[in-house]
N, C-alpha and C. Protein backbone atom coordinates (compact mmCIF):
# COMPACT_ATOMS: atom_id res chain seq x y z
N MET A 1 6.34 15.67 -22.42
CA MET A 1 6.57 13.90 -21.81
C MET A 1 7.31 13.65 -23.19
N ILE A 2 8.10 12.65 -22.97
CA ILE A 2 9.06 11.66 -24.07
C ILE A 2 8.33 10.92 -24.16
N LYS A 3 7.63 10.36 -25.53
CA LYS A 3 7.32 9.21 -26.11
C LYS A 3 8.25 8.04 -26.46
N ASN A 4 9.32 8.62 -26.96
CA ASN A 4 10.28 7.43 -27.51
C ASN A 4 10.79 6.99 -25.97
N LYS A 5 10.52 5.71 -25.66
CA LYS A 5 11.49 4.89 -24.60
C LYS A 5 12.80 4.50 -24.54
N SER A 6 13.21 4.26 -25.64
CA SER A 6 14.40 4.44 -26.12
C SER A 6 15.39 4.87 -25.62
N PHE A 7 14.85 6.44 -26.19
CA PHE A 7 15.71 7.54 -26.05
C PHE A 7 15.69 7.78 -24.07
N THR A 8 13.94 7.72 -23.91
CA THR A 8 14.47 8.04 -21.96
C THR A 8 15.28 7.00 -21.25
N LYS A 9 15.37 5.82 -21.90
CA LYS A 9 15.95 4.88 -20.94
C LYS A 9 17.66 5.38 -21.55
N ASP A 10 18.06 5.63 -22.72
CA ASP A 10 19.50 6.58 -22.64
C ASP A 10 19.71 7.29 -22.03
N ILE A 11 18.72 8.53 -21.79
CA ILE A 11 19.07 9.18 -20.86
C ILE A 11 19.53 9.15 -19.03
N LEU A 12 18.38 7.92 -19.11
CA LEU A 12 18.47 7.53 -17.53
C LEU A 12 20.38 6.52 -17.46
N GLU A 13 20.03 6.23 -18.41
CA GLU A 13 21.59 5.02 -18.45
C GLU A 13 22.59 6.08 -18.47
N CYS A 14 22.41 7.27 -19.03
CA CYS A 14 23.76 7.95 -19.09
C CYS A 14 24.16 8.82 -17.94
N SER A 15 22.33 9.24 -16.89
CA SER A 15 22.47 9.81 -15.75
C SER A 15 23.32 8.61 -14.46
N TRP A 16 23.24 7.49 -14.74
CA TRP A 16 23.77 6.51 -13.86
C TRP A 16 25.07 6.29 -14.06
N ASN A 17 25.56 6.45 -15.57
CA ASN A 17 27.00 5.95 -15.61
C ASN A 17 27.70 7.71 -15.05
N GLU A 18 27.15 8.66 -15.31
CA GLU A 18 28.20 9.73 -14.72
C GLU A 18 28.08 9.89 -13.00
N PHE A 19 26.84 8.97 -12.74
CA PHE A 19 26.81 9.08 -11.03
C PHE A 19 27.84 8.38 -10.54
N LYS A 20 28.01 6.86 -11.66
CA LYS A 20 29.02 5.88 -11.33
C LYS A 20 30.52 6.67 -11.13
N ARG A 21 30.79 7.44 -12.61
CA ARG A 21 31.90 8.39 -12.48
C ARG A 21 32.55 9.15 -11.72
N GLN A 22 31.37 9.87 -10.90
CA GLN A 22 31.61 10.80 -10.16
C GLN A 22 32.17 10.23 -8.92
N LEU A 23 31.10 8.82 -8.23
CA LEU A 23 31.73 8.25 -7.39
C LEU A 23 33.06 7.66 -7.18
N GLU A 24 33.29 7.45 -8.82
CA GLU A 24 34.88 6.28 -8.91
C GLU A 24 35.61 7.64 -8.85
N TYR A 25 35.45 8.59 -8.95
CA TYR A 25 36.37 9.97 -9.02
C TYR A 25 36.55 10.19 -7.55
N LYS A 26 35.33 9.88 -6.77
CA LYS A 26 35.69 10.89 -5.22
C LYS A 26 36.38 9.60 -4.37
N ALA A 27 36.05 8.71 -4.80
CA ALA A 27 36.54 7.25 -4.22
C ALA A 27 38.21 7.47 -4.24
N LYS A 28 38.30 7.23 -5.38
CA LYS A 28 40.00 7.63 -5.56
C LYS A 28 40.62 9.23 -5.22
N TRP A 29 40.17 9.90 -4.94
CA TRP A 29 40.10 11.24 -4.54
C TRP A 29 40.40 11.12 -2.54
N TYR A 30 39.84 10.34 -2.33
CA TYR A 30 39.97 10.28 -0.93
C TYR A 30 40.59 8.78 -0.81
N GLY A 31 41.20 7.62 -1.42
CA GLY A 31 41.83 6.91 -1.08
C GLY A 31 40.97 5.60 -0.79
N ARG A 32 40.10 5.47 -1.41
CA ARG A 32 38.60 4.62 -1.23
C ARG A 32 38.58 3.56 -2.17
N ASN A 33 38.03 2.32 -2.00
CA ASN A 33 37.75 1.58 -2.72
C ASN A 33 36.51 1.57 -3.35
N LEU A 34 36.15 1.62 -4.78
CA LEU A 34 34.39 1.92 -4.64
C LEU A 34 34.11 0.32 -5.03
N ILE A 35 33.07 -0.45 -4.45
CA ILE A 35 32.96 -1.70 -4.93
C ILE A 35 31.43 -1.56 -5.02
N ILE A 36 31.36 -2.13 -6.53
CA ILE A 36 30.39 -2.51 -7.20
C ILE A 36 29.59 -3.51 -7.79
N ALA A 37 28.38 -3.85 -7.36
CA ALA A 37 27.81 -5.08 -7.30
C ALA A 37 27.76 -5.32 -9.08
N PRO A 38 27.59 -6.47 -9.12
CA PRO A 38 27.57 -7.01 -10.65
C PRO A 38 26.02 -6.35 -11.08
N ILE A 39 26.09 -6.70 -12.14
CA ILE A 39 24.72 -5.87 -12.42
C ILE A 39 23.55 -7.43 -12.12
N ASN A 40 23.73 -8.18 -12.24
CA ASN A 40 22.97 -9.24 -12.40
C ASN A 40 23.06 -9.54 -10.61
N TYR A 41 23.45 -9.19 -9.71
CA TYR A 41 23.71 -9.61 -8.37
C TYR A 41 22.08 -9.02 -7.68
N ALA A 42 21.55 -10.40 -7.56
CA ALA A 42 19.94 -9.84 -7.01
C ALA A 42 19.93 -9.97 -5.33
N SER A 43 20.86 -8.70 -4.92
CA SER A 43 20.50 -8.36 -3.88
C SER A 43 19.31 -8.46 -2.63
N SER A 44 18.12 -8.04 -3.69
CA SER A 44 17.19 -7.98 -2.85
C SER A 44 16.22 -9.17 -2.68
N GLN A 45 16.26 -10.00 -3.76
CA GLN A 45 15.89 -11.31 -3.68
C GLN A 45 16.97 -12.63 -2.79
N ILE A 46 18.04 -12.42 -2.31
CA ILE A 46 18.67 -13.34 -1.60
C ILE A 46 18.26 -13.12 0.34
N CYS A 47 18.08 -14.22 0.47
CA CYS A 47 18.23 -13.89 2.05
C CYS A 47 19.27 -13.83 2.86
N SER A 48 19.20 -12.54 3.64
CA SER A 48 20.78 -12.49 4.36
C SER A 48 21.50 -13.25 5.21
N ASN A 49 19.94 -14.11 5.84
CA ASN A 49 20.49 -14.95 6.92
C ASN A 49 21.09 -16.58 6.42
N CYS A 50 20.04 -16.74 5.36
CA CYS A 50 20.41 -18.40 5.08
C CYS A 50 20.60 -18.51 3.33
N GLY A 51 21.04 -17.46 2.73
CA GLY A 51 21.48 -17.56 1.39
C GLY A 51 20.16 -17.90 -0.01
N TYR A 52 19.19 -17.74 0.57
CA TYR A 52 17.72 -18.66 -0.14
C TYR A 52 17.65 -17.86 -1.38
N LYS A 53 17.22 -18.08 -2.57
CA LYS A 53 16.83 -16.92 -3.33
C LYS A 53 15.72 -16.97 -3.83
N ASN A 54 14.65 -16.10 -3.54
CA ASN A 54 13.41 -15.77 -3.75
C ASN A 54 13.08 -14.63 -4.83
N VAL A 55 12.78 -15.76 -5.83
CA VAL A 55 12.64 -15.60 -7.29
C VAL A 55 11.08 -14.47 -7.25
N LYS A 56 10.54 -14.42 -6.00
CA LYS A 56 9.08 -13.77 -6.12
C LYS A 56 9.62 -12.16 -5.89
N MET A 57 10.52 -12.16 -5.74
CA MET A 57 10.99 -10.46 -5.26
C MET A 57 11.02 -9.62 -6.18
N LYS A 58 10.98 -10.14 -7.61
CA LYS A 58 11.29 -9.09 -8.19
C LYS A 58 10.17 -7.92 -8.43
N ASP A 59 9.13 -8.07 -7.93
CA ASP A 59 7.78 -7.07 -8.01
C ASP A 59 8.38 -5.94 -6.84
N LEU A 60 8.40 -4.93 -7.20
CA LEU A 60 9.39 -3.81 -6.35
C LEU A 60 8.30 -3.58 -5.31
N ASN A 61 6.69 -3.78 -5.68
CA ASN A 61 5.97 -3.40 -4.53
C ASN A 61 5.89 -4.07 -3.27
N ILE A 62 6.62 -5.15 -3.22
CA ILE A 62 6.56 -6.07 -2.05
C ILE A 62 7.92 -5.55 -1.39
N ARG A 63 7.68 -5.14 -0.20
CA ARG A 63 8.59 -4.66 0.77
C ARG A 63 8.94 -5.48 1.91
N GLU A 64 8.32 -5.99 1.72
CA GLU A 64 8.52 -7.21 3.37
C GLU A 64 8.16 -8.33 2.92
N TRP A 65 8.84 -9.60 3.16
CA TRP A 65 8.80 -11.01 2.89
C TRP A 65 9.65 -12.18 3.79
N ILE A 66 9.04 -13.23 3.73
CA ILE A 66 9.58 -14.20 4.92
C ILE A 66 10.24 -15.31 4.13
N CYS A 67 11.24 -15.81 4.32
CA CYS A 67 12.17 -16.72 3.51
C CYS A 67 11.37 -17.84 3.83
N GLN A 68 11.37 -18.38 2.78
CA GLN A 68 10.48 -19.70 2.48
C GLN A 68 11.52 -20.96 3.25
N LYS A 69 12.72 -20.82 3.59
CA LYS A 69 13.67 -21.99 3.83
C LYS A 69 14.17 -21.71 5.53
N CYS A 70 14.48 -20.15 5.56
CA CYS A 70 14.82 -20.45 7.66
C CYS A 70 13.79 -19.38 8.26
N LYS A 71 13.20 -18.99 7.46
CA LYS A 71 11.47 -18.30 8.18
C LYS A 71 12.03 -16.97 8.35
N THR A 72 12.96 -16.07 7.84
CA THR A 72 13.39 -15.02 8.26
C THR A 72 12.32 -14.09 7.89
N ASN A 73 11.89 -12.99 8.74
CA ASN A 73 10.93 -11.88 8.11
C ASN A 73 12.31 -10.60 7.74
N HIS A 74 12.26 -10.18 6.50
CA HIS A 74 12.87 -9.58 6.11
C HIS A 74 11.86 -7.74 5.70
N ASP A 75 12.70 -6.96 5.77
CA ASP A 75 12.51 -5.41 5.24
C ASP A 75 13.27 -5.43 3.88
N ARG A 76 13.06 -5.36 2.99
CA ARG A 76 13.44 -5.43 1.49
C ARG A 76 15.00 -4.55 1.61
N ASP A 77 14.78 -3.13 1.76
CA ASP A 77 15.94 -2.30 2.10
C ASP A 77 16.99 -2.83 2.72
N ILE A 78 16.49 -3.52 4.22
CA ILE A 78 17.51 -3.78 5.62
C ILE A 78 17.86 -5.17 4.53
N ASN A 79 17.40 -5.69 4.14
CA ASN A 79 17.67 -7.30 3.64
C ASN A 79 18.65 -7.01 2.19
N VAL A 80 18.82 -5.87 1.43
CA VAL A 80 19.65 -5.65 0.37
C VAL A 80 21.32 -5.09 1.11
N ALA A 81 20.80 -3.95 2.28
CA ALA A 81 22.46 -3.62 2.76
C ALA A 81 23.02 -4.58 3.27
N TYR A 82 22.48 -5.68 4.28
CA TYR A 82 23.18 -6.60 4.42
C TYR A 82 23.88 -7.61 3.37
N ASN A 83 22.94 -7.82 2.76
CA ASN A 83 23.64 -8.67 1.19
C ASN A 83 24.74 -8.08 0.72
N LEU A 84 24.47 -6.71 0.66
CA LEU A 84 25.54 -5.68 -0.16
C LEU A 84 26.77 -5.39 0.98
N LEU A 85 26.50 -5.52 1.74
CA LEU A 85 27.95 -5.51 3.05
C LEU A 85 28.29 -6.80 2.98
N LYS A 86 27.92 -8.26 2.92
CA LYS A 86 28.38 -9.29 2.88
C LYS A 86 28.74 -9.06 1.76
N LEU A 87 28.62 -9.14 0.76
CA LEU A 87 29.32 -9.16 -0.20
C LEU A 87 30.82 -8.22 -0.58
N ALA A 88 30.42 -6.96 0.19
CA ALA A 88 32.09 -6.25 0.34
C ALA A 88 33.01 -7.13 0.84
N ILE A 89 32.61 -7.57 2.07
CA ILE A 89 33.27 -7.95 2.98
C ILE A 89 34.10 -9.19 2.47
N GLU A 90 33.30 -10.28 1.90
CA GLU A 90 33.96 -11.12 0.80
C GLU A 90 34.73 -11.25 0.08
N ASN A 91 34.68 -9.86 -0.84
CA ASN A 91 35.55 -9.65 -1.93
C ASN A 91 36.94 -8.71 -1.55
N TYR A 92 36.56 -7.79 -0.30
CA TYR A 92 37.68 -6.87 0.21
C TYR A 92 38.21 -6.79 1.37
N GLY A 93 37.19 -7.67 2.23
CA GLY A 93 37.88 -7.32 3.60
C GLY A 93 38.41 -8.76 3.57
N ASP A 94 38.96 -8.38 5.33
CA ASP A 94 39.37 -9.17 5.78
C ASP A 94 39.14 -10.29 6.35
N SER A 95 39.71 -11.64 7.11
CA SER A 95 39.50 -12.08 8.09
C SER A 95 38.61 -11.80 9.52
N SER A 96 38.82 -10.38 9.71
CA SER A 96 38.42 -9.84 10.89
C SER A 96 36.60 -9.54 10.58
N GLY A 97 36.55 -9.00 9.37
CA GLY A 97 35.26 -8.83 8.63
C GLY A 97 35.87 -6.89 8.70
N ILE A 98 36.63 -6.52 8.96
CA ILE A 98 36.87 -5.31 8.66
C ILE A 98 37.08 -4.56 7.73
N LEU A 99 36.09 -3.58 6.77
CA LEU A 99 36.17 -3.29 5.70
C LEU A 99 37.41 -2.29 4.99
N PHE A 100 37.34 -1.15 5.70
CA PHE A 100 38.12 -0.14 5.87
C PHE A 100 38.80 -0.26 7.16
N PRO A 101 39.82 -0.61 7.38
CA PRO A 101 40.79 -0.38 8.59
C PRO A 101 40.90 0.90 8.94
N SER A 102 40.69 1.75 10.51
CA SER A 102 41.11 3.16 10.24
C SER A 102 42.26 3.34 10.32
């Protein structure tokens, strides 16, 4: 077991950087755009229905939540997926909402 938390964090960061590098390489290889959300993008805290930011969602043990503003019931993972899709369409999609036309 590694006792040096800084060293462990460096290893994990290196692994994520390698994963990102591989994704960038494969996207370029297949002629696709790789969209990377900003590191501070709170995808799990934002209601995908109304945009309200729920700061209590920083606790990763909370898997479901109800938006205080619009009362929409959210599964954390599904909500994140919708938010990331919206981010991609807003930044790279056209007016039809098509992200990668065939």
